[in-house]
Amino acid sequence: MPWSGSEPDDARLSVLLRALDAVVLAWMQPGVATWADAALQAGTPNPEVDGKRVRRRVRRLVADQQRRTAASEGLWLPGTAGR
């Protein structure tokens, strides 16, 4: 998929990425206890479903990163400086 600048060319994907970012940032705020709370604070149309979707996506991304780190056998990986 082609990228122009910092966002993808596909408008639907761009909207999805902004919503994902908004929910993750809201989840880090004090007083937000669940992913549904974060989605509600981020203003998504269906907070319960959207919160679950973002939680699953974040967990998948973390697992992918951990798998890549383990597979690297100590080699340097982008974004892991100082770890």
C-alpha atoms as a PDB file:
ATOM      1  CA  MET A   1       0.000   0.000   0.000  1.00  0.00           C
ATOM      2  CA  PRO A   2       1.512   3.350  -0.989  1.00  0.00           C
ATOM      3  CA  TRP A   3       2.175   5.921   1.692  1.00  0.00           C
ATOM      4  CA  SER A   4       2.299   9.666   1.230  1.00  0.00           C
ATOM      5  CA  GLY A   5       3.935  11.498   4.075  1.00  0.00           C
ATOM      6  CA  SER A   6       2.897  10.120   7.443  1.00  0.00           C
ATOM      7  CA  GLU A   7      -0.500   8.632   6.530  1.00  0.00           C
ATOM      8  CA  PRO A   8      -1.538   5.924   4.064  1.00  0.00           C
ATOM      9  CA  ASP A   9      -3.228   6.889   0.799  1.00  0.00           C
ATOM     10  CA  ASP A  10      -6.327   4.801   1.646  1.00  0.00           C
ATOM     11  CA  ALA A  11      -8.683   7.178   3.483  1.00  0.00           C
ATOM     12  CA  ARG A  12     -10.441   4.327   5.322  1.00  0.00           C
ATOM     13  CA  LEU A  13      -7.149   3.041   6.704  1.00  0.00           C
ATOM     14  CA  SER A  14      -6.147   6.550   7.692  1.00  0.00           C
ATOM     15  CA  VAL A  15      -9.379   6.970   9.705  1.00  0.00           C
ATOM     16  CA  LEU A  16      -8.853   3.577  11.344  1.00  0.00           C
ATOM     17  CA  LEU A  17      -5.277   4.405  12.348  1.00  0.00           C
ATOM     18  CA  ARG A  18      -6.327   7.746  13.861  1.00  0.00           C
ATOM     19  CA  ALA A  19      -9.096   5.997  15.856  1.00  0.00           C
ATOM     20  CA  LEU A  20      -6.638   3.337  17.042  1.00  0.00           C
ATOM     21  CA  ASP A  21      -4.209   6.054  18.155  1.00  0.00           C
ATOM     22  CA  ALA A  22      -6.970   7.984  19.932  1.00  0.00           C
ATOM     23  CA  VAL A  23      -8.182   4.929  21.875  1.00  0.00           C
ATOM     24  CA  VAL A  24      -4.647   3.891  22.881  1.00  0.00           C
ATOM     25  CA  LEU A  25      -3.845   7.418  24.052  1.00  0.00           C
ATOM     26  CA  ALA A  26      -7.133   7.628  25.973  1.00  0.00           C
ATOM     27  CA  TRP A  27      -6.398   4.258  27.634  1.00  0.00           C
ATOM     28  CA  MET A  28      -3.256   5.740  29.169  1.00  0.00           C
ATOM     29  CA  GLN A  29      -5.169   8.571  30.881  1.00  0.00           C
ATOM     30  CA  PRO A  30      -5.861   8.484  34.630  1.00  0.00           C
ATOM     31  CA  GLY A  31      -9.305   7.176  35.482  1.00  0.00           C
ATOM     32  CA  VAL A  32      -9.684   5.070  32.334  1.00  0.00           C
ATOM     33  CA  ALA A  33     -10.074   1.501  33.575  1.00  0.00           C
ATOM     34  CA  THR A  34     -11.121  -0.436  30.478  1.00  0.00           C
ATOM     35  CA  TRP A  35     -10.626  -0.382  26.738  1.00  0.00           C
ATOM     36  CA  ALA A  36     -14.348   0.403  26.371  1.00  0.00           C
ATOM     37  CA  ASP A  37     -13.838   3.457  28.621  1.00  0.00           C
ATOM     38  CA  ALA A  38     -10.928   4.509  26.424  1.00  0.00           C
ATOM     39  CA  ALA A  39     -12.982   4.087  23.256  1.00  0.00           C
ATOM     40  CA  LEU A  40     -15.815   6.100  24.817  1.00  0.00           C
ATOM     41  CA  GLN A  41     -13.392   8.876  25.770  1.00  0.00           C
ATOM     42  CA  ALA A  42     -11.907   8.788  22.253  1.00  0.00           C
ATOM     43  CA  GLY A  43     -15.399   9.285  20.815  1.00  0.00           C
ATOM     44  CA  THR A  44     -15.759   6.062  18.830  1.00  0.00           C
ATOM     45  CA  PRO A  45     -19.270   5.187  17.620  1.00  0.00           C
ATOM     46  CA  ASN A  46     -19.460   1.819  19.440  1.00  0.00           C
ATOM     47  CA  PRO A  47     -17.148   1.946  22.479  1.00  0.00           C
ATOM     48  CA  GLU A  48     -17.651  -1.648  23.668  1.00  0.00           C
ATOM     49  CA  VAL A  49     -16.884  -3.223  20.276  1.00  0.00           C
ATOM     50  CA  ASP A  50     -14.213  -0.691  19.342  1.00  0.00           C
ATOM     51  CA  GLY A  51     -12.470  -1.076  22.698  1.00  0.00           C
ATOM     52  CA  LYS A  52     -12.288  -4.854  22.275  1.00  0.00           C
ATOM     53  CA  ARG A  53     -11.010  -4.461  18.722  1.00  0.00           C
ATOM     54  CA  VAL A  54      -8.246  -2.058  19.772  1.00  0.00           C
ATOM     55  CA  ARG A  55      -7.268  -4.270  22.737  1.00  0.00           C
ATOM     56  CA  ARG A  56      -6.912  -7.297  20.445  1.00  0.00           C
ATOM     57  CA  ARG A  57      -4.894  -5.278  17.926  1.00  0.00           C
ATOM     58  CA  VAL A  58      -2.535  -3.903  20.587  1.00  0.00           C
ATOM     59  CA  ARG A  59      -1.997  -7.384  22.049  1.00  0.00           C
ATOM     60  CA  ARG A  60      -1.249  -8.753  18.563  1.00  0.00           C
ATOM     61  CA  LEU A  61       1.263  -5.952  17.875  1.00  0.00           C
ATOM     62  CA  VAL A  62       3.011  -6.545  21.219  1.00  0.00           C
ATOM     63  CA  ALA A  63       3.193 -10.307  20.556  1.00  0.00           C
ATOM     64  CA  ASP A  64       4.618  -9.665  17.071  1.00  0.00           C
ATOM     65  CA  GLN A  65       7.285  -7.365  18.514  1.00  0.00           C
ATOM     66  CA  GLN A  66       8.203  -9.879  21.210  1.00  0.00           C
ATOM     67  CA  ARG A  67       8.434 -12.660  18.608  1.00  0.00           C
ATOM     68  CA  ARG A  68      10.704 -10.530  16.384  1.00  0.00           C
ATOM     69  CA  THR A  69      12.907  -9.633  19.342  1.00  0.00           C
ATOM     70  CA  ALA A  70      13.251 -13.290  20.348  1.00  0.00           C
ATOM     71  CA  ALA A  71      13.989 -14.320  16.755  1.00  0.00           C
ATOM     72  CA  SER A  72      16.678 -11.663  16.352  1.00  0.00           C
ATOM     73  CA  GLU A  73      19.020 -13.573  18.684  1.00  0.00           C
ATOM     74  CA  GLY A  74      20.482 -10.391  20.115  1.00  0.00           C
ATOM     75  CA  LEU A  75      20.804  -8.501  16.842  1.00  0.00           C
ATOM     76  CA  TRP A  76      19.871  -4.844  16.828  1.00  0.00           C
ATOM     77  CA  LEU A  77      16.266  -4.121  15.823  1.00  0.00           C
ATOM     78  CA  PRO A  78      14.905  -0.694  14.858  1.00  0.00           C
ATOM     79  CA  GLY A  79      13.145   1.008  17.751  1.00  0.00           C
ATOM     80  CA  THR A  80      14.896  -0.976  20.474  1.00  0.00           C
ATOM     81  CA  ALA A  81      17.846   1.275  21.240  1.00  0.00           C
ATOM     82  CA  GLY A  82      18.755   1.285  24.905  1.00  0.00           C
ATOM     83  CA  ARG A  83      16.696  -1.764  25.823  1.00  0.00           C
END
